[in-house]
């Protein structure tokens, strides 16, 4: 009723030092945000109320692909926030709602995979991959540098529900199954948590004899 749900607010945030204290003599950062951005990034509110608010805004055509001053879409920002804050109440419903509203999952996938060596969230990665069209999913391993692709995160999954997504990636002819992490020399088989994942990697011709920089094969590392 005359309300612009996609109105852009220009908000000031002070520059903070490493102790999260405002830095003197530095101009504040100007953030561009919408009501949907603010509702998605609210870390203090009740999760169920947040889910309802996000759905309500999307129902009235809030722009889920609006990008803030950092170039992050609403989905990008939510995925990055959920990866970087251990106390954050991650909601699969919010991700589903944004994807249903045609949020583009590809850039979000890149942001999440950039952090896979620190805090992989296989639930987010599987959902984002599932939202890609078959053609884009087939190309996704070609567009990511080794070490920043979804295989690294999915190989570490503890969730059996992620197995179908992993198997779809392993069917890709461009998939480099025996890539290693530069710093440690670990292969995908070095980092698996589930026996079903190990079997899927071995079925895809993953090498069980690759040694990391400590001289350990996946089998030796598993028993230590």
C-alpha atoms as a PDB file:
ATOM      1  CA  UNK A   1       0.000   0.000   0.000  1.00  0.00           C
ATOM      2  CA  UNK A   2       2.443   2.630  -1.188  1.00  0.00           C
ATOM      3  CA  UNK A   3       5.378   1.233   0.805  1.00  0.00           C
ATOM      4  CA  UNK A   4       8.550   0.576  -1.179  1.00  0.00           C
ATOM      5  CA  UNK A   5       9.732  -2.759   0.190  1.00  0.00           C
ATOM      6  CA  UNK A   6      13.011  -2.379  -1.705  1.00  0.00           C
ATOM      7  CA  UNK A   7      13.850   1.091  -0.394  1.00  0.00           C
ATOM      8  CA  UNK A   8      17.592   1.407   0.231  1.00  0.00           C
ATOM      9  CA  UNK A   9      18.869   2.670   3.571  1.00  0.00           C
ATOM     10  CA  UNK A  10      22.338   4.189   3.848  1.00  0.00           C
ATOM     11  CA  UNK A  11      23.660   3.262   7.286  1.00  0.00           C
ATOM     12  CA  UNK A  12      26.886   4.313   8.955  1.00  0.00           C
ATOM     13  CA  UNK A  13      29.088   1.787  10.756  1.00  0.00           C
ATOM     14  CA  UNK A  14      32.264   2.839  12.609  1.00  0.00           C
ATOM     15  CA  UNK A  15      35.576   1.302  11.604  1.00  0.00           C
ATOM     16  CA  UNK A  16      36.592  -1.200  14.321  1.00  0.00           C
ATOM     17  CA  UNK A  17      40.013  -2.362  15.451  1.00  0.00           C
ATOM     18  CA  UNK A  18      40.927  -5.984  16.205  1.00  0.00           C
ATOM     19  CA  UNK A  19      39.316  -5.654  19.655  1.00  0.00           C
ATOM     20  CA  UNK A  20      36.067  -4.474  18.043  1.00  0.00           C
ATOM     21  CA  UNK A  21      36.534  -0.916  19.342  1.00  0.00           C
ATOM     22  CA  UNK A  22      35.764   2.148  17.173  1.00  0.00           C
ATOM     23  CA  UNK A  23      38.868   3.552  15.494  1.00  0.00           C
ATOM     24  CA  UNK A  24      39.341   7.269  16.038  1.00  0.00           C
ATOM     25  CA  UNK A  25      39.899   9.630  13.122  1.00  0.00           C
ATOM     26  CA  UNK A  26      38.571   7.143  10.572  1.00  0.00           C
ATOM     27  CA  UNK A  27      35.374   7.917   8.690  1.00  0.00           C
ATOM     28  CA  UNK A  28      32.530   5.428   9.140  1.00  0.00           C
ATOM     29  CA  UNK A  29      31.686   2.890   6.467  1.00  0.00           C
ATOM     30  CA  UNK A  30      28.460   3.578   4.593  1.00  0.00           C
ATOM     31  CA  UNK A  31      26.401   0.427   4.139  1.00  0.00           C
ATOM     32  CA  UNK A  32      23.540   0.121   1.655  1.00  0.00           C
ATOM     33  CA  UNK A  33      20.817  -2.182   2.956  1.00  0.00           C
ATOM     34  CA  UNK A  34      17.169  -3.052   2.393  1.00  0.00           C
ATOM     35  CA  UNK A  35      14.549  -4.380   4.793  1.00  0.00           C
ATOM     36  CA  UNK A  36      15.245  -7.908   3.522  1.00  0.00           C
ATOM     37  CA  UNK A  37      18.996  -7.523   4.086  1.00  0.00           C
ATOM     38  CA  UNK A  38      18.424  -6.279   7.637  1.00  0.00           C
ATOM     39  CA  UNK A  39      15.988  -9.069   8.479  1.00  0.00           C
ATOM     40  CA  UNK A  40      18.286 -11.793   7.143  1.00  0.00           C
ATOM     41  CA  UNK A  41      21.370 -10.482   8.952  1.00  0.00           C
ATOM     42  CA  UNK A  42      19.719  -9.955  12.333  1.00  0.00           C
ATOM     43  CA  UNK A  43      21.861 -12.047  14.728  1.00  0.00           C
ATOM     44  CA  UNK A  44      19.905 -11.246  17.897  1.00  0.00           C
ATOM     45  CA  UNK A  45      16.289 -11.958  16.991  1.00  0.00           C
ATOM     46  CA  UNK A  46      14.266 -15.146  17.404  1.00  0.00           C
ATOM     47  CA  UNK A  47      15.006 -17.536  14.524  1.00  0.00           C
ATOM     48  CA  UNK A  48      11.359 -18.461  13.870  1.00  0.00           C
ATOM     49  CA  UNK A  49      10.276 -14.804  13.794  1.00  0.00           C
ATOM     50  CA  UNK A  50      13.160 -14.094  11.443  1.00  0.00           C
ATOM     51  CA  UNK A  51      12.046 -16.905   9.107  1.00  0.00           C
ATOM     52  CA  UNK A  52       8.469 -15.540   9.026  1.00  0.00           C
ATOM     53  CA  UNK A  53       9.666 -11.987   8.379  1.00  0.00           C
ATOM     54  CA  UNK A  54      11.915 -13.073   5.495  1.00  0.00           C
ATOM     55  CA  UNK A  55       9.055 -15.050   3.899  1.00  0.00           C
ATOM     56  CA  UNK A  56       6.666 -12.118   4.332  1.00  0.00           C
ATOM     57  CA  UNK A  57       9.092  -9.713   2.625  1.00  0.00           C
ATOM     58  CA  UNK A  58       9.700 -12.144  -0.225  1.00  0.00           C
ATOM     59  CA  UNK A  59       5.926 -12.591  -0.646  1.00  0.00           C
ATOM     60  CA  UNK A  60       5.635  -8.864  -1.369  1.00  0.00           C
ATOM     61  CA  UNK A  61       8.461  -9.046  -3.943  1.00  0.00           C
ATOM     62  CA  UNK A  62      11.456  -7.974  -1.888  1.00  0.00           C
ATOM     63  CA  UNK A  63      14.531  -8.152  -4.128  1.00  0.00           C
ATOM     64  CA  UNK A  64      16.549 -11.194  -3.022  1.00  0.00           C
ATOM     65  CA  UNK A  65      19.366 -10.356  -5.460  1.00  0.00           C
ATOM     66  CA  UNK A  66      20.019  -6.840  -4.154  1.00  0.00           C
ATOM     67  CA  UNK A  67      23.755  -6.377  -3.536  1.00  0.00           C
ATOM     68  CA  UNK A  68      25.162  -4.291  -0.697  1.00  0.00           C
ATOM     69  CA  UNK A  69      28.200  -1.985  -0.716  1.00  0.00           C
ATOM     70  CA  UNK A  70      30.486  -5.047  -0.560  1.00  0.00           C
ATOM     71  CA  UNK A  71      28.859  -6.554  -3.635  1.00  0.00           C
ATOM     72  CA  UNK A  72      27.207  -9.317  -1.599  1.00  0.00           C
ATOM     73  CA  UNK A  73      23.691 -10.459  -2.403  1.00  0.00           C
ATOM     74  CA  UNK A  74      21.274 -11.200   0.448  1.00  0.00           C
ATOM     75  CA  UNK A  75      22.017 -14.923   0.115  1.00  0.00           C
ATOM     76  CA  UNK A  76      25.791 -14.288  -0.090  1.00  0.00           C
ATOM     77  CA  UNK A  77      25.707 -12.220   3.094  1.00  0.00           C
ATOM     78  CA  UNK A  78      23.608 -14.774   4.965  1.00  0.00           C
ATOM     79  CA  UNK A  79      25.907 -17.650   4.013  1.00  0.00           C
ATOM     80  CA  UNK A  80      29.026 -15.683   4.952  1.00  0.00           C
ATOM     81  CA  UNK A  81      27.481 -14.695   8.301  1.00  0.00           C
ATOM     82  CA  UNK A  82      26.484 -18.271   9.114  1.00  0.00           C
ATOM     83  CA  UNK A  83      30.019 -19.461   8.332  1.00  0.00           C
ATOM     84  CA  UNK A  84      31.791 -16.835  10.389  1.00  0.00           C
ATOM     85  CA  UNK A  85      29.726 -16.734  13.598  1.00  0.00           C
ATOM     86  CA  UNK A  86      29.553 -19.903  15.694  1.00  0.00           C
ATOM     87  CA  UNK A  87      26.675 -18.533  17.806  1.00  0.00           C
ATOM     88  CA  UNK A  88      24.599 -17.583  14.776  1.00  0.00           C
ATOM     89  CA  UNK A  89      21.294 -19.458  14.520  1.00  0.00           C
ATOM     90  CA  UNK A  90      21.498 -20.769  10.973  1.00  0.00           C
ATOM     91  CA  UNK A  91      18.130 -21.439   9.333  1.00  0.00           C
ATOM     92  CA  UNK A  92      17.721 -23.809   6.403  1.00  0.00           C
ATOM     93  CA  UNK A  93      14.244 -22.299   5.901  1.00  0.00           C
ATOM     94  CA  UNK A  94      15.750 -18.885   5.148  1.00  0.00           C
ATOM     95  CA  UNK A  95      18.133 -20.363   2.580  1.00  0.00           C
ATOM     96  CA  UNK A  96      15.237 -22.317   1.031  1.00  0.00           C
ATOM     97  CA  UNK A  97      13.046 -19.193   0.924  1.00  0.00           C
ATOM     98  CA  UNK A  98      15.749 -17.144  -0.798  1.00  0.00           C
ATOM     99  CA  UNK A  99      16.459 -19.921  -3.304  1.00  0.00           C
ATOM    100  CA  UNK A 100      12.720 -20.346  -4.006  1.00  0.00           C
ATOM    101  CA  UNK A 101      12.610 -16.603  -4.728  1.00  0.00           C
ATOM    102  CA  UNK A 102      15.311 -17.148  -7.408  1.00  0.00           C
ATOM    103  CA  UNK A 103      18.346 -15.937  -5.478  1.00  0.00           C
ATOM    104  CA  UNK A 104      21.463 -16.820  -7.482  1.00  0.00           C
ATOM    105  CA  UNK A 105      23.342 -19.574  -5.591  1.00  0.00           C
ATOM    106  CA  UNK A 106      26.587 -19.492  -7.584  1.00  0.00           C
ATOM    107  CA  UNK A 107      28.274 -16.467  -5.990  1.00  0.00           C
ATOM    108  CA  UNK A 108      27.123 -17.654  -2.552  1.00  0.00           C
ATOM    109  CA  UNK A 109      28.705 -21.027  -3.250  1.00  0.00           C
ATOM    110  CA  UNK A 110      32.020 -19.337  -4.031  1.00  0.00           C
ATOM    111  CA  UNK A 111      31.911 -17.357  -0.788  1.00  0.00           C
ATOM    112  CA  UNK A 112      31.158 -20.468   1.273  1.00  0.00           C
ATOM    113  CA  UNK A 113      33.779 -22.626  -0.450  1.00  0.00           C
ATOM    114  CA  UNK A 114      36.426 -19.966   0.105  1.00  0.00           C
ATOM    115  CA  UNK A 115      36.127 -20.811   3.801  1.00  0.00           C
ATOM    116  CA  UNK A 116      35.997 -24.602   3.596  1.00  0.00           C
ATOM    117  CA  UNK A 117      39.356 -25.210   5.257  1.00  0.00           C
ATOM    118  CA  UNK A 118      38.236 -23.258   8.323  1.00  0.00           C
ATOM    119  CA  UNK A 119      34.590 -24.064   8.958  1.00  0.00           C
ATOM    120  CA  UNK A 120      32.873 -26.095   6.209  1.00  0.00           C
ATOM    121  CA  UNK A 121      29.088 -26.021   6.272  1.00  0.00           C
ATOM    122  CA  UNK A 122      28.044 -28.927   4.086  1.00  0.00           C
ATOM    123  CA  UNK A 123      24.342 -28.211   4.624  1.00  0.00           C
ATOM    124  CA  UNK A 124      24.676 -24.826   2.916  1.00  0.00           C
ATOM    125  CA  UNK A 125      26.925 -26.179   0.153  1.00  0.00           C
ATOM    126  CA  UNK A 126      24.592 -29.067  -0.672  1.00  0.00           C
ATOM    127  CA  UNK A 127      21.586 -26.716  -0.817  1.00  0.00           C
ATOM    128  CA  UNK A 128      23.365 -24.219  -3.061  1.00  0.00           C
ATOM    129  CA  UNK A 129      24.590 -26.945  -5.402  1.00  0.00           C
ATOM    130  CA  UNK A 130      21.107 -28.451  -5.529  1.00  0.00           C
ATOM    131  CA  UNK A 131      19.691 -25.085  -6.616  1.00  0.00           C
ATOM    132  CA  UNK A 132      22.015 -24.843  -9.616  1.00  0.00           C
ATOM    133  CA  UNK A 133      20.785 -26.034 -12.970  1.00  0.00           C
ATOM    134  CA  UNK A 134      22.377 -29.240 -14.221  1.00  0.00           C
ATOM    135  CA  UNK A 135      24.513 -27.310 -16.725  1.00  0.00           C
ATOM    136  CA  UNK A 136      25.812 -24.863 -14.118  1.00  0.00           C
ATOM    137  CA  UNK A 137      26.466 -27.689 -11.667  1.00  0.00           C
ATOM    138  CA  UNK A 138      28.512 -29.510 -14.306  1.00  0.00           C
ATOM    139  CA  UNK A 139      30.636 -26.389 -14.800  1.00  0.00           C
ATOM    140  CA  UNK A 140      31.057 -25.466 -11.151  1.00  0.00           C
ATOM    141  CA  UNK A 141      34.302 -27.395 -10.611  1.00  0.00           C
ATOM    142  CA  UNK A 142      35.876 -25.710 -13.613  1.00  0.00           C
ATOM    143  CA  UNK A 143      35.150 -22.215 -12.266  1.00  0.00           C
ATOM    144  CA  UNK A 144      36.648 -22.769  -8.801  1.00  0.00           C
ATOM    145  CA  UNK A 145      40.360 -22.954  -8.117  1.00  0.00           C
ATOM    146  CA  UNK A 146      41.662 -26.176  -6.574  1.00  0.00           C
ATOM    147  CA  UNK A 147      41.145 -26.049  -2.831  1.00  0.00           C
ATOM    148  CA  UNK A 148      38.181 -23.684  -3.066  1.00  0.00           C
ATOM    149  CA  UNK A 149      35.726 -26.098  -4.662  1.00  0.00           C
ATOM    150  CA  UNK A 150      32.778 -27.890  -3.059  1.00  0.00           C
ATOM    151  CA  UNK A 151      34.490 -31.278  -3.067  1.00  0.00           C
ATOM    152  CA  UNK A 152      36.686 -30.259  -0.151  1.00  0.00           C
ATOM    153  CA  UNK A 153      33.721 -29.434   2.037  1.00  0.00           C
ATOM    154  CA  UNK A 154      31.551 -32.372   0.985  1.00  0.00           C
ATOM    155  CA  UNK A 155      34.414 -34.811   1.554  1.00  0.00           C
ATOM    156  CA  UNK A 156      34.356 -33.724   5.209  1.00  0.00           C
ATOM    157  CA  UNK A 157      30.613 -34.044   5.671  1.00  0.00           C
ATOM    158  CA  UNK A 158      29.157 -35.888   8.643  1.00  0.00           C
ATOM    159  CA  UNK A 159      25.691 -35.879   7.062  1.00  0.00           C
ATOM    160  CA  UNK A 160      24.572 -38.856   4.957  1.00  0.00           C
ATOM    161  CA  UNK A 161      22.033 -36.613   3.199  1.00  0.00           C
ATOM    162  CA  UNK A 162      24.959 -34.855   1.468  1.00  0.00           C
ATOM    163  CA  UNK A 163      26.045 -38.060  -0.309  1.00  0.00           C
ATOM    164  CA  UNK A 164      23.821 -37.651  -3.415  1.00  0.00           C
ATOM    165  CA  UNK A 165      25.271 -34.161  -4.015  1.00  0.00           C
ATOM    166  CA  UNK A 166      28.807 -35.485  -3.609  1.00  0.00           C
ATOM    167  CA  UNK A 167      28.140 -38.345  -6.052  1.00  0.00           C
ATOM    168  CA  UNK A 168      26.743 -35.895  -8.622  1.00  0.00           C
ATOM    169  CA  UNK A 169      29.962 -33.889  -8.482  1.00  0.00           C
ATOM    170  CA  UNK A 170      32.106 -36.994  -8.733  1.00  0.00           C
ATOM    171  CA  UNK A 171      30.294 -37.941 -11.958  1.00  0.00           C
ATOM    172  CA  UNK A 172      31.597 -34.728 -13.551  1.00  0.00           C
ATOM    173  CA  UNK A 173      34.300 -35.533 -16.111  1.00  0.00           C
ATOM    174  CA  UNK A 174      36.136 -32.338 -15.120  1.00  0.00           C
ATOM    175  CA  UNK A 175      36.323 -33.427 -11.488  1.00  0.00           C
ATOM    176  CA  UNK A 176      39.911 -33.685 -10.216  1.00  0.00           C
ATOM    177  CA  UNK A 177      39.423 -36.462  -7.700  1.00  0.00           C
ATOM    178  CA  UNK A 178      43.092 -36.642  -6.617  1.00  0.00           C
ATOM    179  CA  UNK A 179      43.729 -32.949  -5.957  1.00  0.00           C
ATOM    180  CA  UNK A 180      45.724 -32.189  -2.811  1.00  0.00           C
ATOM    181  CA  UNK A 181      45.694 -29.295  -0.362  1.00  0.00           C
ATOM    182  CA  UNK A 182      48.918 -27.293  -0.935  1.00  0.00           C
ATOM    183  CA  UNK A 183      49.879 -26.678   2.708  1.00  0.00           C
ATOM    184  CA  UNK A 184      49.368 -30.204   4.085  1.00  0.00           C
ATOM    185  CA  UNK A 185      49.431 -32.390   0.982  1.00  0.00           C
ATOM    186  CA  UNK A 186      46.186 -34.005   2.155  1.00  0.00           C
ATOM    187  CA  UNK A 187      43.965 -35.525  -0.516  1.00  0.00           C
ATOM    188  CA  UNK A 188      40.185 -35.824  -0.270  1.00  0.00           C
ATOM    189  CA  UNK A 189      40.566 -39.297   1.233  1.00  0.00           C
ATOM    190  CA  UNK A 190      42.736 -37.892   4.023  1.00  0.00           C
ATOM    191  CA  UNK A 191      39.889 -35.726   5.339  1.00  0.00           C
ATOM    192  CA  UNK A 192      36.800 -37.956   5.092  1.00  0.00           C
ATOM    193  CA  UNK A 193      34.593 -38.426   8.148  1.00  0.00           C
ATOM    194  CA  UNK A 194      32.120 -41.012   6.816  1.00  0.00           C
ATOM    195  CA  UNK A 195      32.929 -44.482   5.398  1.00  0.00           C
ATOM    196  CA  UNK A 196      30.251 -43.896   2.726  1.00  0.00           C
ATOM    197  CA  UNK A 197      32.179 -40.831   1.525  1.00  0.00           C
ATOM    198  CA  UNK A 198      35.421 -42.820   1.376  1.00  0.00           C
ATOM    199  CA  UNK A 199      33.668 -45.485  -0.709  1.00  0.00           C
ATOM    200  CA  UNK A 200      32.249 -42.858  -3.088  1.00  0.00           C
ATOM    201  CA  UNK A 201      35.726 -41.352  -3.566  1.00  0.00           C
ATOM    202  CA  UNK A 202      37.324 -44.764  -4.114  1.00  0.00           C
ATOM    203  CA  UNK A 203      34.573 -45.711  -6.597  1.00  0.00           C
ATOM    204  CA  UNK A 204      35.464 -42.511  -8.473  1.00  0.00           C
ATOM    205  CA  UNK A 205      39.120 -43.695  -8.717  1.00  0.00           C
ATOM    206  CA  UNK A 206      40.445 -41.739  -5.768  1.00  0.00           C
ATOM    207  CA  UNK A 207      43.947 -42.844  -4.833  1.00  0.00           C
ATOM    208  CA  UNK A 208      44.353 -44.466  -1.414  1.00  0.00           C
ATOM    209  CA  UNK A 209      48.157 -44.365  -1.762  1.00  0.00           C
ATOM    210  CA  UNK A 210      48.662 -40.599  -1.947  1.00  0.00           C
ATOM    211  CA  UNK A 211      50.922 -39.467   0.907  1.00  0.00           C
ATOM    212  CA  UNK A 212      50.627 -36.077   2.555  1.00  0.00           C
ATOM    213  CA  UNK A 213      53.574 -33.927   3.634  1.00  0.00           C
ATOM    214  CA  UNK A 214      53.911 -35.992   6.844  1.00  0.00           C
ATOM    215  CA  UNK A 215      54.389 -39.085   4.675  1.00  0.00           C
ATOM    216  CA  UNK A 216      51.023 -40.554   5.693  1.00  0.00           C
ATOM    217  CA  UNK A 217      48.567 -42.234   3.347  1.00  0.00           C
ATOM    218  CA  UNK A 218      44.806 -41.906   3.999  1.00  0.00           C
ATOM    219  CA  UNK A 219      44.788 -45.384   5.568  1.00  0.00           C
ATOM    220  CA  UNK A 220      47.617 -44.581   7.988  1.00  0.00           C
ATOM    221  CA  UNK A 221      46.027 -41.230   8.903  1.00  0.00           C
ATOM    222  CA  UNK A 222      42.698 -42.929   9.556  1.00  0.00           C
ATOM    223  CA  UNK A 223      44.139 -45.323  12.141  1.00  0.00           C
ATOM    224  CA  UNK A 224      46.226 -42.707  13.981  1.00  0.00           C
END
